[in-house]
C-alpha atoms as a PDB file:
ATOM      1  CA  MET A   1      73.864 110.176  67.313  1.00  0.00           C
ATOM      2  CA  SER A   2      76.686 111.685  69.399  1.00  0.00           C
ATOM      3  CA  ILE A   3      74.211 113.763  71.422  1.00  0.00           C
ATOM      4  CA  ASP A   4      72.261 110.589  72.183  1.00  0.00           C
ATOM      5  CA  ARG A   5      75.458 108.825  73.233  1.00  0.00           C
ATOM      6  CA  LYS A   6      76.441 111.640  75.578  1.00  0.00           C
ATOM      7  CA  SER A   7      72.967 111.595  77.098  1.00  0.00           C
ATOM      8  CA  GLU A   8      73.162 107.827  77.544  1.00  0.00           C
ATOM      9  CA  ILE A   9      76.526 108.075  79.296  1.00  0.00           C
ATOM     10  CA  ALA A  10      75.291 110.944  81.485  1.00  0.00           C
ATOM     11  CA  THR A  11      72.242 108.957  82.593  1.00  0.00           C
ATOM     12  CA  LYS A  12      74.267 105.852  83.452  1.00  0.00           C
ATOM     13  CA  LEU A  13      76.919 107.902  85.227  1.00  0.00           C
ATOM     14  CA  ALA A  14      74.237 109.551  87.358  1.00  0.00           C
ATOM     15  CA  THR A  15      72.738 106.156  88.223  1.00  0.00           C
ATOM     16  CA  VAL A  16      76.110 104.764  89.318  1.00  0.00           C
ATOM     17  CA  THR A  17      76.791 107.893  91.377  1.00  0.00           C
ATOM     18  CA  GLU A  18      73.441 107.488  93.129  1.00  0.00           C
ATOM     19  CA  ARG A  19      74.161 103.837  93.882  1.00  0.00           C
ATOM     20  CA  ILE A  20      77.598 104.725  95.263  1.00  0.00           C
ATOM     21  CA  THR A  21      75.942 107.223  97.597  1.00  0.00           C
ATOM     22  CA  ALA A  22      73.327 104.694  98.730  1.00  0.00           C
ATOM     23  CA  ALA A  23      75.935 101.987  99.384  1.00  0.00           C
ATOM     24  CA  ALA A  24      78.138 104.402 101.336  1.00  0.00           C
ATOM     25  CA  LYS A  25      75.234 105.514 103.519  1.00  0.00           C
ATOM     26  CA  LYS A  26      74.488 101.902 104.475  1.00  0.00           C
ATOM     27  CA  VAL A  27      77.768 101.802 106.388  1.00  0.00           C
ATOM     28  CA  ASP A  28      77.891 105.461 107.449  1.00  0.00           C
ATOM     29  CA  ARG A  29      80.590 106.407 104.962  1.00  0.00           C
ATOM     30  CA  SER A  30      80.815 109.641 103.050  1.00  0.00           C
ATOM     31  CA  PRO A  31      80.362 109.191  99.280  1.00  0.00           C
ATOM     32  CA  SER A  32      83.090 111.806  98.819  1.00  0.00           C
ATOM     33  CA  ASP A  33      85.589 109.303 100.271  1.00  0.00           C
ATOM     34  CA  ILE A  34      85.001 106.951  97.313  1.00  0.00           C
ATOM     35  CA  LYS A  35      86.827 107.616  94.051  1.00  0.00           C
ATOM     36  CA  LEU A  36      85.039 106.484  90.902  1.00  0.00           C
ATOM     37  CA  ILE A  37      87.396 105.378  88.137  1.00  0.00           C
ATOM     38  CA  VAL A  38      85.605 104.982  84.814  1.00  0.00           C
ATOM     39  CA  VAL A  39      87.154 102.088  82.906  1.00  0.00           C
ATOM     40  CA  THR A  40      87.506 103.320  79.339  1.00  0.00           C
ATOM     41  CA  LYS A  41      89.535 100.507  77.750  1.00  0.00           C
ATOM     42  CA  THR A  42      88.389  99.659  74.188  1.00  0.00           C
ATOM     43  CA  PHE A  43      86.012 102.618  74.084  1.00  0.00           C
ATOM     44  CA  PRO A  44      86.543 105.404  71.521  1.00  0.00           C
ATOM     45  CA  ILE A  45      88.074 108.762  72.304  1.00  0.00           C
ATOM     46  CA  THR A  46      84.681 110.403  71.722  1.00  0.00           C
ATOM     47  CA  ASP A  47      83.260 108.587  74.757  1.00  0.00           C
ATOM     48  CA  LEU A  48      86.154 109.799  76.881  1.00  0.00           C
ATOM     49  CA  ARG A  49      85.570 113.366  75.743  1.00  0.00           C
ATOM     50  CA  PHE A  50      81.915 113.064  76.754  1.00  0.00           C
ATOM     51  CA  LEU A  51      82.982 111.765  80.174  1.00  0.00           C
ATOM     52  CA  TYR A  52      85.396 114.658  80.543  1.00  0.00           C
ATOM     53  CA  GLU A  53      82.639 117.135  79.685  1.00  0.00           C
ATOM     54  CA  LEU A  54      80.501 115.450  82.353  1.00  0.00           C
ATOM     55  CA  GLY A  55      83.205 116.086  84.953  1.00  0.00           C
ATOM     56  CA  VAL A  56      85.016 112.742  85.040  1.00  0.00           C
ATOM     57  CA  ARG A  57      88.767 113.028  85.691  1.00  0.00           C
ATOM     58  CA  GLU A  58      89.653 109.454  86.705  1.00  0.00           C
ATOM     59  CA  PHE A  59      90.015 107.097  83.722  1.00  0.00           C
ATOM     60  CA  GLY A  60      91.068 103.432  83.827  1.00  0.00           C
ATOM     61  CA  GLU A  61      92.955 101.624  81.069  1.00  0.00           C
ATOM     62  CA  ASN A  62      94.709  98.263  80.805  1.00  0.00           C
ATOM     63  CA  ARG A  63      96.428  98.388  77.407  1.00  0.00           C
ATOM     64  CA  ASP A  64      99.496 100.536  77.088  1.00  0.00           C
ATOM     65  CA  GLN A  65      99.371 101.285  73.368  1.00  0.00           C
ATOM     66  CA  GLU A  66      95.694 102.237  73.412  1.00  0.00           C
ATOM     67  CA  ALA A  67      96.049 104.347  76.545  1.00  0.00           C
ATOM     68  CA  SER A  68      99.139 106.180  75.303  1.00  0.00           C
ATOM     69  CA  GLN A  69      97.206 107.384  72.268  1.00  0.00           C
ATOM     70  CA  LYS A  70      94.238 108.530  74.365  1.00  0.00           C
ATOM     71  CA  VAL A  71      96.469 110.370  76.828  1.00  0.00           C
ATOM     72  CA  SER A  72      98.024 112.344  73.979  1.00  0.00           C
ATOM     73  CA  GLU A  73      94.605 113.497  72.750  1.00  0.00           C
ATOM     74  CA  LEU A  74      92.952 114.471  76.037  1.00  0.00           C
ATOM     75  CA  PRO A  75      93.486 117.262  78.620  1.00  0.00           C
ATOM     76  CA  SER A  76      96.395 117.013  81.035  1.00  0.00           C
ATOM     77  CA  ASP A  77      94.297 117.266  84.218  1.00  0.00           C
ATOM     78  CA  ILE A  78      93.035 113.672  83.838  1.00  0.00           C
ATOM     79  CA  ASN A  79      94.312 111.038  86.263  1.00  0.00           C
ATOM     80  CA  TRP A  80      95.054 107.822  84.368  1.00  0.00           C
ATOM     81  CA  HIS A  81      94.842 104.491  86.194  1.00  0.00           C
ATOM     82  CA  PHE A  82      96.553 101.398  84.789  1.00  0.00           C
ATOM     83  CA  GLN A  83      94.863  98.261  86.082  1.00  0.00           C
ATOM     84  CA  GLY A  84      95.825  95.549  83.617  1.00  0.00           C
ATOM     85  CA  GLN A  85      98.285  92.717  83.870  1.00  0.00           C
ATOM     86  CA  ILE A  86     101.800  94.116  83.910  1.00  0.00           C
ATOM     87  CA  GLN A  87     104.417  93.206  81.325  1.00  0.00           C
ATOM     88  CA  SER A  88     107.978  94.286  82.053  1.00  0.00           C
ATOM     89  CA  ASN A  89     108.594  95.520  78.497  1.00  0.00           C
ATOM     90  CA  LYS A  90     105.595  97.869  78.718  1.00  0.00           C
ATOM     91  CA  LEU A  91     106.373  99.395  82.094  1.00  0.00           C
ATOM     92  CA  LYS A  92     108.547 102.257  80.902  1.00  0.00           C
ATOM     93  CA  SER A  93     105.730 103.519  78.711  1.00  0.00           C
ATOM     94  CA  ILE A  94     103.041 102.836  81.328  1.00  0.00           C
ATOM     95  CA  THR A  95     105.004 104.733  83.965  1.00  0.00           C
ATOM     96  CA  SER A  96     105.235 107.707  81.596  1.00  0.00           C
ATOM     97  CA  TRP A  97     101.453 108.208  81.381  1.00  0.00           C
ATOM     98  CA  ALA A  98      99.779 106.412  84.312  1.00  0.00           C
ATOM     99  CA  THR A  99      99.079 108.484  87.409  1.00  0.00           C
ATOM    100  CA  VAL A 100      98.366 105.324  89.430  1.00  0.00           C
ATOM    101  CA  ILE A 101      99.334 101.700  88.713  1.00  0.00           C
ATOM    102  CA  HIS A 102      96.888  99.326  90.423  1.00  0.00           C
ATOM    103  CA  SER A 103      98.237  95.895  89.556  1.00  0.00           C
ATOM    104  CA  VAL A 104     101.727  95.596  91.059  1.00  0.00           C
ATOM    105  CA  ASP A 105     102.240  92.053  92.344  1.00  0.00           C
ATOM    106  CA  GLN A 106     105.993  91.451  92.027  1.00  0.00           C
ATOM    107  CA  LEU A 107     109.056  93.205  93.406  1.00  0.00           C
ATOM    108  CA  LYS A 108     110.663  93.343  89.954  1.00  0.00           C
ATOM    109  CA  TYR A 109     107.769  95.454  88.669  1.00  0.00           C
ATOM    110  CA  ALA A 110     108.008  97.854  91.593  1.00  0.00           C
ATOM    111  CA  LYS A 111     111.755  98.222  90.994  1.00  0.00           C
ATOM    112  CA  LEU A 112     111.185  99.046  87.329  1.00  0.00           C
ATOM    113  CA  ILE A 113     108.456 101.590  88.121  1.00  0.00           C
ATOM    114  CA  SER A 114     110.754 103.220  90.673  1.00  0.00           C
ATOM    115  CA  GLU A 115     113.542 103.351  88.105  1.00  0.00           C
ATOM    116  CA  PHE A 116     111.350 104.752  85.313  1.00  0.00           C
ATOM    117  CA  ALA A 117     109.567 107.277  87.549  1.00  0.00           C
ATOM    118  CA  GLY A 118     112.708 109.414  87.769  1.00  0.00           C
ATOM    119  CA  ASP A 119     112.095 112.509  89.877  1.00  0.00           C
ATOM    120  CA  GLN A 120     108.324 112.093  89.701  1.00  0.00           C
ATOM    121  CA  LYS A 121     106.897 109.916  92.472  1.00  0.00           C
ATOM    122  CA  LYS A 122     104.539 107.215  91.181  1.00  0.00           C
ATOM    123  CA  SER A 123     101.524 105.911  93.102  1.00  0.00           C
ATOM    124  CA  ILE A 124     100.917 102.164  93.159  1.00  0.00           C
ATOM    125  CA  PHE A 125      98.563  99.596  94.649  1.00  0.00           C
ATOM    126  CA  LEU A 126      99.631  96.058  95.494  1.00  0.00           C
ATOM    127  CA  GLN A 127      97.310  93.545  93.871  1.00  0.00           C
ATOM    128  CA  LEU A 128      96.250  90.879  96.359  1.00  0.00           C
ATOM    129  CA  SER A 129      95.071  87.485  95.120  1.00  0.00           C
ATOM    130  CA  LEU A 130      91.746  86.366  96.598  1.00  0.00           C
ATOM    131  CA  ASP A 131      91.578  83.182  94.517  1.00  0.00           C
ATOM    132  CA  GLU A 132      91.422  79.712  96.051  1.00  0.00           C
ATOM    133  CA  ILE A 133      94.692  78.976  94.275  1.00  0.00           C
ATOM    134  CA  PRO A 134      96.645  82.177  95.079  1.00  0.00           C
ATOM    135  CA  GLU A 135      98.268  84.036  92.189  1.00  0.00           C
ATOM    136  CA  SER A 136      96.443  81.950  89.564  1.00  0.00           C
ATOM    137  CA  ARG A 137      95.023  85.115  87.961  1.00  0.00           C
ATOM    138  CA  GLY A 138      97.674  87.537  89.112  1.00  0.00           C
ATOM    139  CA  GLY A 139      98.012  89.181  92.482  1.00  0.00           C
ATOM    140  CA  VAL A 140     100.274  88.287  95.359  1.00  0.00           C
ATOM    141  CA  ASP A 141      99.570  85.431  97.754  1.00  0.00           C
ATOM    142  CA  PRO A 142      98.256  86.901 101.044  1.00  0.00           C
ATOM    143  CA  ALA A 143     100.986  84.964 102.879  1.00  0.00           C
ATOM    144  CA  LYS A 144     103.646  86.906 100.952  1.00  0.00           C
ATOM    145  CA  LEU A 145     101.965  90.315 101.045  1.00  0.00           C
ATOM    146  CA  HIS A 146     103.707  91.952 104.005  1.00  0.00           C
ATOM    147  CA  GLU A 147     107.152  90.746 102.933  1.00  0.00           C
ATOM    148  CA  LEU A 148     106.630  92.211  99.456  1.00  0.00           C
ATOM    149  CA  ALA A 149     105.344  95.506 100.852  1.00  0.00           C
ATOM    150  CA  ALA A 150     108.335  95.784 103.187  1.00  0.00           C
ATOM    151  CA  GLU A 151     110.730  95.302 100.269  1.00  0.00           C
ATOM    152  CA  ILE A 152     108.857  97.868  98.182  1.00  0.00           C
ATOM    153  CA  SER A 153     108.863 100.396 101.025  1.00  0.00           C
ATOM    154  CA  HIS A 154     112.635 100.730 100.627  1.00  0.00           C
ATOM    155  CA  LEU A 155     112.343 101.821  96.979  1.00  0.00           C
ATOM    156  CA  SER A 156     112.469 105.485  96.086  1.00  0.00           C
ATOM    157  CA  ASN A 157     109.945 107.311  93.908  1.00  0.00           C
ATOM    158  CA  LEU A 158     107.025 105.093  94.962  1.00  0.00           C
ATOM    159  CA  ASN A 159     103.908 105.951  96.931  1.00  0.00           C
ATOM    160  CA  LEU A 160     102.270 102.728  98.162  1.00  0.00           C
ATOM    161  CA  MET A 161      98.600 103.691  98.332  1.00  0.00           C
ATOM    162  CA  GLY A 162      97.150 100.386  99.499  1.00  0.00           C
ATOM    163  CA  LEU A 163      95.733  97.126  98.186  1.00  0.00           C
ATOM    164  CA  MET A 164      93.858  96.228  95.020  1.00  0.00           C
ATOM    165  CA  ALA A 165      91.899  93.035  94.397  1.00  0.00           C
ATOM    166  CA  VAL A 166      89.464  91.408  92.001  1.00  0.00           C
ATOM    167  CA  ALA A 167      86.653  89.226  93.312  1.00  0.00           C
ATOM    168  CA  PRO A 168      87.372  85.500  92.889  1.00  0.00           C
ATOM    169  CA  LEU A 169      85.352  83.356  90.501  1.00  0.00           C
ATOM    170  CA  ASP A 170      84.783  80.483  92.939  1.00  0.00           C
ATOM    171  CA  GLU A 171      83.599  82.224  96.110  1.00  0.00           C
ATOM    172  CA  ASP A 172      80.690  84.341  97.244  1.00  0.00           C
ATOM    173  CA  THR A 173      81.679  87.950  96.527  1.00  0.00           C
ATOM    174  CA  ASP A 174      80.396  89.261  99.855  1.00  0.00           C
ATOM    175  CA  GLN A 175      82.524  86.740 101.752  1.00  0.00           C
ATOM    176  CA  ALA A 176      85.558  87.459  99.556  1.00  0.00           C
ATOM    177  CA  PHE A 177      85.333  91.210 100.111  1.00  0.00           C
ATOM    178  CA  ALA A 178      84.896  90.624 103.853  1.00  0.00           C
ATOM    179  CA  ARG A 179      88.204  88.710 103.781  1.00  0.00           C
ATOM    180  CA  LEU A 180      89.782  91.495 101.753  1.00  0.00           C
ATOM    181  CA  SER A 181      88.656  94.048 104.331  1.00  0.00           C
ATOM    182  CA  LYS A 182      90.362  92.075 107.112  1.00  0.00           C
ATOM    183  CA  TYR A 183      93.548  91.740 105.071  1.00  0.00           C
ATOM    184  CA  HIS A 184      93.536  95.478 104.460  1.00  0.00           C
ATOM    185  CA  GLN A 185      92.904  96.410 108.088  1.00  0.00           C
ATOM    186  CA  LEU A 186      95.876  94.282 109.161  1.00  0.00           C
ATOM    187  CA  PHE A 187      97.965  95.713 106.331  1.00  0.00           C
ATOM    188  CA  VAL A 188      97.278  99.285 107.415  1.00  0.00           C
ATOM    189  CA  GLU A 189      98.438  98.435 110.939  1.00  0.00           C
ATOM    190  CA  HIS A 190     101.872  97.653 109.484  1.00  0.00           C
ATOM    191  CA  PHE A 191     101.824 100.191 106.625  1.00  0.00           C
ATOM    192  CA  PRO A 192      99.687 103.104 107.883  1.00  0.00           C
ATOM    193  CA  GLU A 193     100.212 105.218 104.765  1.00  0.00           C
ATOM    194  CA  ALA A 194      98.657 102.486 102.592  1.00  0.00           C
ATOM    195  CA  LYS A 195      95.112 103.293 103.665  1.00  0.00           C
ATOM    196  CA  PHE A 196      93.331 102.961 100.312  1.00  0.00           C
ATOM    197  CA  LEU A 197      91.530  99.922  98.889  1.00  0.00           C
ATOM    198  CA  SER A 198      90.871  99.487  95.165  1.00  0.00           C
ATOM    199  CA  ALA A 199      88.090  96.933  94.707  1.00  0.00           C
ATOM    200  CA  GLY A 200      84.745  96.610  93.019  1.00  0.00           C
ATOM    201  CA  MET A 201      83.664  96.650  89.397  1.00  0.00           C
ATOM    202  CA  SER A 202      80.322  96.988  87.629  1.00  0.00           C
ATOM    203  CA  GLY A 203      78.882  93.776  89.072  1.00  0.00           C
ATOM    204  CA  ASP A 204      79.986  94.155  92.672  1.00  0.00           C
ATOM    205  CA  TYR A 205      80.987  97.734  93.495  1.00  0.00           C
ATOM    206  CA  GLU A 206      78.240  98.250  96.087  1.00  0.00           C
ATOM    207  CA  LEU A 207      79.488  95.247  98.083  1.00  0.00           C
ATOM    208  CA  ALA A 208      83.037  96.527  97.734  1.00  0.00           C
ATOM    209  CA  ILE A 209      82.018  99.914  99.154  1.00  0.00           C
ATOM    210  CA  ILE A 210      80.263  98.248 102.086  1.00  0.00           C
ATOM    211  CA  HIS A 211      83.518  96.407 102.835  1.00  0.00           C
ATOM    212  CA  GLY A 212      85.672  99.519 102.702  1.00  0.00           C
ATOM    213  CA  ALA A 213      86.686 100.111  99.072  1.00  0.00           C
ATOM    214  CA  THR A 214      87.943 103.648  98.475  1.00  0.00           C
ATOM    215  CA  HIS A 215      88.547 103.262  94.712  1.00  0.00           C
ATOM    216  CA  ILE A 216      86.054 101.479  92.468  1.00  0.00           C
ATOM    217  CA  ARG A 217      86.591 100.637  88.806  1.00  0.00           C
ATOM    218  CA  ILE A 218      83.431 100.855  86.697  1.00  0.00           C
ATOM    219  CA  GLY A 219      83.188 100.218  82.972  1.00  0.00           C
ATOM    220  CA  SER A 220      80.080  98.556  81.532  1.00  0.00           C
ATOM    221  CA  SER A 221      77.610 100.123  83.991  1.00  0.00           C
ATOM    222  CA  ILE A 222      78.522 103.542  82.568  1.00  0.00           C
ATOM    223  CA  LEU A 223      79.710 102.901  79.011  1.00  0.00           C
ATOM    224  CA  GLY A 224      77.794  99.722  78.195  1.00  0.00           C
ATOM    225  CA  ASN A 225      79.137  96.411  76.929  1.00  0.00           C
ATOM    226  CA  ARG A 226      82.081  96.405  74.564  1.00  0.00           C
END
């Protein structure tokens, strides 16, 4: 059974990799510029070991307790990405294991991450809300984005990598990612170090790549439905 599961994961991983390459070529981008994060939340440690054996080193989680256990059981060369909704009381633990935190949308969270990071610099993305009613599902209102980033830039121990977003529920995804691309281009003009864009999941990662995503977060297309 486990051999079949590893084969299944390998096949799906190869398919996603091929589709990433095809999407990148459509807009003359190098596939090597796109980082695939496999979203492993709720999946067993055995699946993560198979992924590791297949060469995956970027894993995405959104539950602190579950991720902490997995981190303790897997090799230390894995980069762990936290992409869930942040809770202040979980941040000390999250900062201890997450290599990158994708979902920062408030100054208070950035301050806590900076405090808990200690001497080790922590990489973060600012989550931008693309929803018709901004911030209704998390993420910062685009009108407040630059002010928040400026405040965060004064904090120590933080590396602001760029923007993260989730496609809205009430808008065409292609149009939403086109807006996101414009927001990001303007953002980089003011914060040139923040050149990365985390966007795209199993249902829309090819569109995200076409609109400039550098980090895509794929779960079900590789591991199946939970």
